[in-house]
PDB file of N, CA and C in Angstrom:
ATOM      1  N   MET A   1      12.579  19.225 -52.166  1.00  0.00           N
ATOM      2  CA  MET A   1      12.617  19.805 -50.910  1.00  0.00           C
ATOM      3  C   MET A   1      11.379  19.691 -50.238  1.00  0.00           C
ATOM      4  N   TYR A   2      11.400  19.460 -48.984  1.00  0.00           N
ATOM      5  CA  TYR A   2      10.227  19.510 -48.209  1.00  0.00           C
ATOM      6  C   TYR A   2       9.866  20.773 -47.347  1.00  0.00           C
ATOM      7  N   ILE A   3       8.823  21.487 -47.527  1.00  0.00           N
ATOM      8  CA  ILE A   3       8.300  22.583 -46.767  1.00  0.00           C
ATOM      9  C   ILE A   3       7.664  22.094 -45.374  1.00  0.00           C
ATOM     10  N   LEU A   4       8.055  22.416 -44.321  1.00  0.00           N
ATOM     11  CA  LEU A   4       7.273  21.888 -42.998  1.00  0.00           C
ATOM     12  C   LEU A   4       6.466  23.099 -42.428  1.00  0.00           C
ATOM     13  N   SER A   5       5.426  22.706 -41.911  1.00  0.00           N
ATOM     14  CA  SER A   5       4.631  23.814 -41.079  1.00  0.00           C
ATOM     15  C   SER A   5       4.120  23.137 -39.850  1.00  0.00           C
ATOM     16  N   PHE A   6       3.975  23.714 -38.888  1.00  0.00           N
ATOM     17  CA  PHE A   6       3.596  23.034 -37.588  1.00  0.00           C
ATOM     18  C   PHE A   6       2.275  23.845 -37.068  1.00  0.00           C
ATOM     19  N   PHE A   7       1.221  23.084 -36.774  1.00  0.00           N
ATOM     20  CA  PHE A   7      -0.050  23.757 -36.448  1.00  0.00           C
ATOM     21  C   PHE A   7      -0.354  23.489 -34.913  1.00  0.00           C
ATOM     22  N   THR A   8      -0.830  24.313 -34.087  1.00  0.00           N
ATOM     23  CA  THR A   8      -1.431  24.003 -32.815  1.00  0.00           C
ATOM     24  C   THR A   8      -2.743  24.601 -32.622  1.00  0.00           C
ATOM     25  N   ASN A   9      -3.540  24.060 -31.781  1.00  0.00           N
ATOM     26  CA  ASN A   9      -4.922  24.576 -31.483  1.00  0.00           C
ATOM     27  C   ASN A   9      -4.837  24.929 -29.861  1.00  0.00           C
ATOM     28  N   SER A  10      -4.664  26.157 -29.612  1.00  0.00           N
ATOM     29  CA  SER A  10      -4.647  26.774 -28.308  1.00  0.00           C
ATOM     30  C   SER A  10      -3.336  26.160 -27.587  1.00  0.00           C
ATOM     31  N   GLY A  11      -2.113  26.203 -28.304  1.00  0.00           N
ATOM     32  CA  GLY A  11      -0.961  25.590 -27.865  1.00  0.00           C
ATOM     33  C   GLY A  11      -0.716  24.218 -27.915  1.00  0.00           C
ATOM     34  N   VAL A  12      -1.740  23.421 -28.217  1.00  0.00           N
ATOM     35  CA  VAL A  12      -1.648  21.989 -28.317  1.00  0.00           C
ATOM     36  C   VAL A  12      -1.386  21.364 -29.795  1.00  0.00           C
ATOM     37  N   PRO A  13      -0.374  20.591 -30.088  1.00  0.00           N
ATOM     38  CA  PRO A  13      -0.176  20.313 -31.520  1.00  0.00           C
ATOM     39  C   PRO A  13      -1.507  19.790 -31.975  1.00  0.00           C
ATOM     40  N   GLU A  14      -1.873  19.931 -33.311  1.00  0.00           N
ATOM     41  CA  GLU A  14      -3.169  19.597 -33.854  1.00  0.00           C
ATOM     42  C   GLU A  14      -2.965  18.681 -35.048  1.00  0.00           C
ATOM     43  N   THR A  15      -3.624  17.539 -34.977  1.00  0.00           N
ATOM     44  CA  THR A  15      -3.468  16.478 -36.002  1.00  0.00           C
ATOM     45  C   THR A  15      -5.036  16.557 -36.754  1.00  0.00           C
ATOM     46  N   GLY A  16      -4.913  15.704 -37.728  1.00  0.00           N
ATOM     47  CA  GLY A  16      -6.209  15.610 -38.643  1.00  0.00           C
ATOM     48  C   GLY A  16      -6.585  16.749 -39.467  1.00  0.00           C
ATOM     49  N   LEU A  17      -5.664  17.614 -39.635  1.00  0.00           N
ATOM     50  CA  LEU A  17      -6.076  18.850 -40.545  1.00  0.00           C
ATOM     51  C   LEU A  17      -5.717  18.522 -42.092  1.00  0.00           C
ATOM     52  N   SER A  18      -6.305  19.426 -42.827  1.00  0.00           N
ATOM     53  CA  SER A  18      -5.946  19.406 -44.286  1.00  0.00           C
ATOM     54  C   SER A  18      -5.537  20.685 -44.712  1.00  0.00           C
ATOM     55  N   PRO A  19      -4.319  21.000 -44.366  1.00  0.00           N
ATOM     56  CA  PRO A  19      -3.821  22.395 -44.690  1.00  0.00           C
ATOM     57  C   PRO A  19      -3.265  22.596 -46.057  1.00  0.00           C
ATOM     58  N   THR A  20      -3.254  23.772 -46.519  1.00  0.00           N
ATOM     59  CA  THR A  20      -2.919  24.189 -47.884  1.00  0.00           C
ATOM     60  C   THR A  20      -1.626  25.090 -47.723  1.00  0.00           C
ATOM     61  N   ILE A  21      -0.956  25.268 -48.845  1.00  0.00           N
ATOM     62  CA  ILE A  21       0.326  26.228 -49.031  1.00  0.00           C
ATOM     63  C   ILE A  21       0.145  27.063 -50.120  1.00  0.00           C
ATOM     64  N   ASN A  22       0.426  28.374 -49.972  1.00  0.00           N
ATOM     65  CA  ASN A  22       0.688  29.191 -51.167  1.00  0.00           C
ATOM     66  C   ASN A  22       2.238  29.595 -51.244  1.00  0.00           C
ATOM     67  N   ILE A  23       2.781  29.429 -52.319  1.00  0.00           N
ATOM     68  CA  ILE A  23       4.346  29.839 -52.422  1.00  0.00           C
ATOM     69  C   ILE A  23       4.309  30.967 -53.551  1.00  0.00           C
ATOM     70  N   ARG A  24       5.219  31.927 -53.013  1.00  0.00           N
ATOM     71  CA  ARG A  24       5.546  33.271 -54.144  1.00  0.00           C
ATOM     72  C   ARG A  24       6.931  33.296 -54.225  1.00  0.00           C
ATOM     73  N   GLY A  25       7.375  33.615 -55.519  1.00  0.00           N
ATOM     74  CA  GLY A  25       8.787  33.995 -55.774  1.00  0.00           C
ATOM     75  C   GLY A  25       8.994  35.391 -55.007  1.00  0.00           C
ATOM     76  N   VAL A  26      10.217  35.677 -54.566  1.00  0.00           N
ATOM     77  CA  VAL A  26      10.633  36.819 -54.027  1.00  0.00           C
ATOM     78  C   VAL A  26      11.909  37.452 -54.878  1.00  0.00           C
ATOM     79  N   PRO A  27      11.908  38.547 -55.304  1.00  0.00           N
ATOM     80  CA  PRO A  27      10.989  39.723 -55.252  1.00  0.00           C
ATOM     81  C   PRO A  27       9.988  39.676 -56.184  1.00  0.00           C
ATOM     82  N   SER A  28       9.859  38.750 -57.136  1.00  0.00           N
ATOM     83  CA  SER A  28       8.608  38.969 -58.199  1.00  0.00           C
ATOM     84  C   SER A  28       7.322  38.962 -57.795  1.00  0.00           C
ATOM     85  N   GLY A  29       7.126  38.286 -56.701  1.00  0.00           N
ATOM     86  CA  GLY A  29       5.759  38.022 -56.192  1.00  0.00           C
ATOM     87  C   GLY A  29       5.004  37.045 -57.125  1.00  0.00           C
ATOM     88  N   ASP A  30       5.515  36.492 -58.074  1.00  0.00           N
ATOM     89  CA  ASP A  30       4.897  35.406 -58.741  1.00  0.00           C
ATOM     90  C   ASP A  30       4.125  34.313 -57.983  1.00  0.00           C
ATOM     91  N   LEU A  31       3.071  33.872 -58.078  1.00  0.00           N
ATOM     92  CA  LEU A  31       2.488  32.743 -57.407  1.00  0.00           C
ATOM     93  C   LEU A  31       2.912  31.544 -58.092  1.00  0.00           C
ATOM     94  N   ILE A  32       3.696  30.808 -57.271  1.00  0.00           N
ATOM     95  CA  ILE A  32       4.373  29.530 -57.833  1.00  0.00           C
ATOM     96  C   ILE A  32       3.528  28.324 -57.539  1.00  0.00           C
ATOM     97  N   VAL A  33       2.845  28.162 -56.256  1.00  0.00           N
ATOM     98  CA  VAL A  33       1.917  27.200 -55.800  1.00  0.00           C
ATOM     99  C   VAL A  33       0.882  27.845 -55.229  1.00  0.00           C
ATOM    100  N   SER A  34      -0.477  27.407 -55.678  1.00  0.00           N
ATOM    101  CA  SER A  34      -1.729  28.062 -55.008  1.00  0.00           C
ATOM    102  C   SER A  34      -2.433  26.902 -54.407  1.00  0.00           C
ATOM    103  N   ALA A  35      -2.682  26.852 -53.225  1.00  0.00           N
ATOM    104  CA  ALA A  35      -3.497  26.090 -52.406  1.00  0.00           C
ATOM    105  C   ALA A  35      -2.981  24.754 -52.595  1.00  0.00           C
ATOM    106  N   GLY A  36      -1.604  24.399 -52.492  1.00  0.00           N
ATOM    107  CA  GLY A  36      -1.327  23.130 -52.572  1.00  0.00           C
ATOM    108  C   GLY A  36      -1.520  22.299 -51.327  1.00  0.00           C
ATOM    109  N   ASN A  37      -1.951  21.093 -51.589  1.00  0.00           N
ATOM    110  CA  ASN A  37      -2.252  20.190 -50.340  1.00  0.00           C
ATOM    111  C   ASN A  37      -0.849  19.774 -49.568  1.00  0.00           C
ATOM    112  N   MET A  38      -0.952  20.011 -48.182  1.00  0.00           N
ATOM    113  CA  MET A  38       0.035  19.347 -47.462  1.00  0.00           C
ATOM    114  C   MET A  38      -0.273  18.107 -46.743  1.00  0.00           C
ATOM    115  N   SER A  39       0.620  17.143 -46.568  1.00  0.00           N
ATOM    116  CA  SER A  39       0.566  15.924 -45.967  1.00  0.00           C
ATOM    117  C   SER A  39       0.856  15.939 -44.523  1.00  0.00           C
ATOM    118  N   GLU A  40       0.064  15.212 -43.710  1.00  0.00           N
ATOM    119  CA  GLU A  40       0.409  15.157 -42.235  1.00  0.00           C
ATOM    120  C   GLU A  40       1.720  14.240 -42.098  1.00  0.00           C
ATOM    121  N   VAL A  41       2.453  14.805 -41.246  1.00  0.00           N
ATOM    122  CA  VAL A  41       3.737  14.095 -40.774  1.00  0.00           C
ATOM    123  C   VAL A  41       3.576  13.314 -39.347  1.00  0.00           C
ATOM    124  N   GLY A  42       2.720  14.199 -38.596  1.00  0.00           N
ATOM    125  CA  GLY A  42       2.434  13.732 -37.102  1.00  0.00           C
ATOM    126  C   GLY A  42       2.840  14.838 -36.108  1.00  0.00           C
ATOM    127  N   ASP A  43       2.300  14.775 -35.001  1.00  0.00           N
ATOM    128  CA  ASP A  43       2.625  15.567 -33.748  1.00  0.00           C
ATOM    129  C   ASP A  43       2.394  16.966 -34.286  1.00  0.00           C
ATOM    130  N   GLY A  44       1.407  17.445 -35.054  1.00  0.00           N
ATOM    131  CA  GLY A  44       1.117  18.739 -35.464  1.00  0.00           C
ATOM    132  C   GLY A  44       2.063  19.247 -36.688  1.00  0.00           C
ATOM    133  N   PHE A  45       2.925  18.290 -37.276  1.00  0.00           N
ATOM    134  CA  PHE A  45       3.738  18.713 -38.395  1.00  0.00           C
ATOM    135  C   PHE A  45       3.099  18.363 -39.630  1.00  0.00           C
ATOM    136  N   TYR A  46       3.170  19.168 -40.678  1.00  0.00           N
ATOM    137  CA  TYR A  46       2.574  18.932 -41.972  1.00  0.00           C
ATOM    138  C   TYR A  46       3.589  19.128 -43.004  1.00  0.00           C
ATOM    139  N   CYS A  47       3.776  18.660 -44.179  1.00  0.00           N
ATOM    140  CA  CYS A  47       4.726  18.940 -45.318  1.00  0.00           C
ATOM    141  C   CYS A  47       4.076  18.992 -46.602  1.00  0.00           C
ATOM    142  N   TYR A  48       4.909  19.688 -47.574  1.00  0.00           N
ATOM    143  CA  TYR A  48       4.650  19.974 -48.792  1.00  0.00           C
ATOM    144  C   TYR A  48       5.851  19.764 -49.566  1.00  0.00           C
ATOM    145  N   GLU A  49       5.971  18.749 -50.563  1.00  0.00           N
ATOM    146  CA  GLU A  49       7.151  18.477 -51.393  1.00  0.00           C
ATOM    147  C   GLU A  49       7.065  19.527 -52.550  1.00  0.00           C
ATOM    148  N   PHE A  50       8.133  20.496 -52.445  1.00  0.00           N
ATOM    149  CA  PHE A  50       8.302  21.671 -53.265  1.00  0.00           C
ATOM    150  C   PHE A  50       9.184  21.289 -54.549  1.00  0.00           C
ATOM    151  N   THR A  51       8.668  20.935 -55.560  1.00  0.00           N
ATOM    152  CA  THR A  51       9.438  20.619 -56.901  1.00  0.00           C
ATOM    153  C   THR A  51       9.388  21.690 -57.912  1.00  0.00           C
ATOM    154  N   GLU A  52       8.745  22.705 -57.591  1.00  0.00           N
ATOM    155  CA  GLU A  52       8.506  23.746 -58.625  1.00  0.00           C
ATOM    156  C   GLU A  52       9.620  24.813 -58.697  1.00  0.00           C
ATOM    157  N   GLY A  53      10.445  24.795 -57.748  1.00  0.00           N
ATOM    158  CA  GLY A  53      11.502  25.954 -57.515  1.00  0.00           C
ATOM    159  C   GLY A  53      12.686  25.857 -58.414  1.00  0.00           C
ATOM    160  N   SER A  54      13.270  26.874 -58.403  1.00  0.00           N
ATOM    161  CA  SER A  54      14.570  26.984 -59.176  1.00  0.00           C
ATOM    162  C   SER A  54      15.717  27.227 -58.221  1.00  0.00           C
ATOM    163  N   PRO A  55      16.851  26.566 -58.399  1.00  0.00           N
ATOM    164  CA  PRO A  55      18.074  26.678 -57.411  1.00  0.00           C
ATOM    165  C   PRO A  55      18.386  28.234 -57.213  1.00  0.00           C
ATOM    166  N   ASN A  56      18.731  28.398 -56.025  1.00  0.00           N
ATOM    167  CA  ASN A  56      19.349  29.906 -55.546  1.00  0.00           C
ATOM    168  C   ASN A  56      18.177  30.928 -55.686  1.00  0.00           C
ATOM    169  N   GLU A  57      16.875  30.462 -55.782  1.00  0.00           N
ATOM    170  CA  GLU A  57      15.925  31.565 -55.952  1.00  0.00           C
ATOM    171  C   GLU A  57      15.361  31.762 -54.390  1.00  0.00           C
ATOM    172  N   GLU A  58      14.678  32.721 -54.085  1.00  0.00           N
ATOM    173  CA  GLU A  58      14.075  32.965 -52.611  1.00  0.00           C
ATOM    174  C   GLU A  58      12.525  32.808 -52.808  1.00  0.00           C
ATOM    175  N   TYR A  59      11.956  32.246 -51.766  1.00  0.00           N
ATOM    176  CA  TYR A  59      10.538  32.209 -51.833  1.00  0.00           C
ATOM    177  C   TYR A  59       9.814  32.539 -50.368  1.00  0.00           C
ATOM    178  N   ALA A  60       8.680  32.762 -50.515  1.00  0.00           N
ATOM    179  CA  ALA A  60       7.994  33.098 -49.371  1.00  0.00           C
ATOM    180  C   ALA A  60       6.569  32.196 -49.440  1.00  0.00           C
ATOM    181  N   ALA A  61       6.194  31.611 -48.228  1.00  0.00           N
ATOM    182  CA  ALA A  61       5.176  30.668 -48.253  1.00  0.00           C
ATOM    183  C   ALA A  61       4.138  31.042 -47.164  1.00  0.00           C
ATOM    184  N   ARG A  62       2.909  30.917 -47.368  1.00  0.00           N
ATOM    185  CA  ARG A  62       1.783  31.054 -46.315  1.00  0.00           C
ATOM    186  C   ARG A  62       1.105  29.672 -46.208  1.00  0.00           C
ATOM    187  N   THR A  63       1.099  29.030 -45.123  1.00  0.00           N
ATOM    188  CA  THR A  63       0.195  27.937 -44.826  1.00  0.00           C
ATOM    189  C   THR A  63      -0.914  28.194 -44.120  1.00  0.00           C
ATOM    190  N   ASP A  64      -2.055  27.405 -44.519  1.00  0.00           N
ATOM    191  CA  ASP A  64      -3.361  27.613 -43.892  1.00  0.00           C
ATOM    192  C   ASP A  64      -3.757  26.445 -43.368  1.00  0.00           C
ATOM    193  N   GLY A  65      -3.970  26.394 -42.004  1.00  0.00           N
ATOM    194  CA  GLY A  65      -4.466  24.980 -41.382  1.00  0.00           C
ATOM    195  C   GLY A  65      -6.035  24.823 -41.310  1.00  0.00           C
ATOM    196  N   GLY A  66      -6.745  25.816 -41.880  1.00  0.00           N
ATOM    197  CA  GLY A  66      -8.228  25.448 -42.043  1.00  0.00           C
ATOM    198  C   GLY A  66      -8.990  26.384 -41.286  1.00  0.00           C
ATOM    199  N   ALA A  67     -10.339  26.398 -41.458  1.00  0.00           N
ATOM    200  CA  ALA A  67     -11.139  27.465 -40.777  1.00  0.00           C
ATOM    201  C   ALA A  67     -11.438  26.838 -39.406  1.00  0.00           C
ATOM    202  N   GLY A  68     -11.177  25.642 -39.060  1.00  0.00           N
ATOM    203  CA  GLY A  68     -11.475  24.936 -37.713  1.00  0.00           C
ATOM    204  C   GLY A  68     -10.499  25.432 -36.675  1.00  0.00           C
ATOM    205  N   LEU A  69      -9.479  26.309 -37.111  1.00  0.00           N
ATOM    206  CA  LEU A  69      -8.557  26.813 -36.157  1.00  0.00           C
ATOM    207  C   LEU A  69      -8.840  28.364 -36.033  1.00  0.00           C
ATOM    208  N   ALA A  70      -8.398  28.946 -34.773  1.00  0.00           N
ATOM    209  CA  ALA A  70      -8.462  30.146 -34.595  1.00  0.00           C
ATOM    210  C   ALA A  70      -7.410  30.851 -35.533  1.00  0.00           C
ATOM    211  N   ASP A  71      -7.845  32.207 -36.050  1.00  0.00           N
ATOM    212  CA  ASP A  71      -6.659  32.841 -36.919  1.00  0.00           C
ATOM    213  C   ASP A  71      -5.387  32.873 -36.168  1.00  0.00           C
ATOM    214  N   ILE A  72      -5.149  32.879 -35.120  1.00  0.00           N
ATOM    215  CA  ILE A  72      -3.600  32.911 -34.579  1.00  0.00           C
ATOM    216  C   ILE A  72      -3.039  31.677 -34.598  1.00  0.00           C
ATOM    217  N   ASP A  73      -3.732  30.586 -34.650  1.00  0.00           N
ATOM    218  CA  ASP A  73      -3.283  29.145 -34.939  1.00  0.00           C
ATOM    219  C   ASP A  73      -3.265  28.722 -36.480  1.00  0.00           C
ATOM    220  N   ARG A  74      -4.070  29.518 -37.261  1.00  0.00           N
ATOM    221  CA  ARG A  74      -4.336  28.979 -38.621  1.00  0.00           C
ATOM    222  C   ARG A  74      -3.281  29.187 -39.598  1.00  0.00           C
ATOM    223  N   TYR A  75      -2.637  30.509 -39.574  1.00  0.00           N
ATOM    224  CA  TYR A  75      -1.752  30.758 -40.670  1.00  0.00           C
ATOM    225  C   TYR A  75      -0.320  30.942 -40.110  1.00  0.00           C
ATOM    226  N   LYS A  76       0.677  30.292 -40.996  1.00  0.00           N
ATOM    227  CA  LYS A  76       1.842  30.379 -40.720  1.00  0.00           C
ATOM    228  C   LYS A  76       2.641  30.873 -41.915  1.00  0.00           C
ATOM    229  N   PHE A  77       3.834  31.543 -41.531  1.00  0.00           N
ATOM    230  CA  PHE A  77       4.560  32.238 -42.718  1.00  0.00           C
ATOM    231  C   PHE A  77       6.005  31.579 -42.775  1.00  0.00           C
ATOM    232  N   ILE A  78       6.632  31.267 -43.947  1.00  0.00           N
ATOM    233  CA  ILE A  78       7.944  30.785 -44.137  1.00  0.00           C
ATOM    234  C   ILE A  78       8.645  31.445 -45.152  1.00  0.00           C
ATOM    235  N   GLY A  79      10.062  31.772 -44.878  1.00  0.00           N
ATOM    236  CA  GLY A  79      10.724  32.178 -46.088  1.00  0.00           C
ATOM    237  C   GLY A  79      11.809  31.151 -46.399  1.00  0.00           C
ATOM    238  N   PHE A  80      12.355  30.944 -47.676  1.00  0.00           N
ATOM    239  CA  PHE A  80      13.335  30.070 -47.885  1.00  0.00           C
ATOM    240  C   PHE A  80      13.928  30.018 -49.346  1.00  0.00           C
ATOM    241  N   SER A  81      15.120  29.503 -49.527  1.00  0.00           N
ATOM    242  CA  SER A  81      15.697  29.277 -50.664  1.00  0.00           C
ATOM    243  C   SER A  81      15.454  27.836 -51.233  1.00  0.00           C
ATOM    244  N   ALA A  82      15.397  27.781 -52.655  1.00  0.00           N
ATOM    245  CA  ALA A  82      15.303  26.323 -53.209  1.00  0.00           C
ATOM    246  C   ALA A  82      16.650  25.811 -53.441  1.00  0.00           C
TER     247      ALA A  82
END
């Protein structure tokens, strides 16, 4: 399963980033992925191939676009099931 995140810089899609992703199990809070590297897809989209999950489990993810972005653009939050 691919987890996608979209980053902008002042509203403009941002390319050339090296974002990371943290993924936690819900409701356990266990850290499943710590600072996993995301790959650029294009037009501000980045992805992470999530292979660590279990079917029918719930997860919460935080992606980090990096220190070059303002905090409002830097962090994204995602909830999903594997």
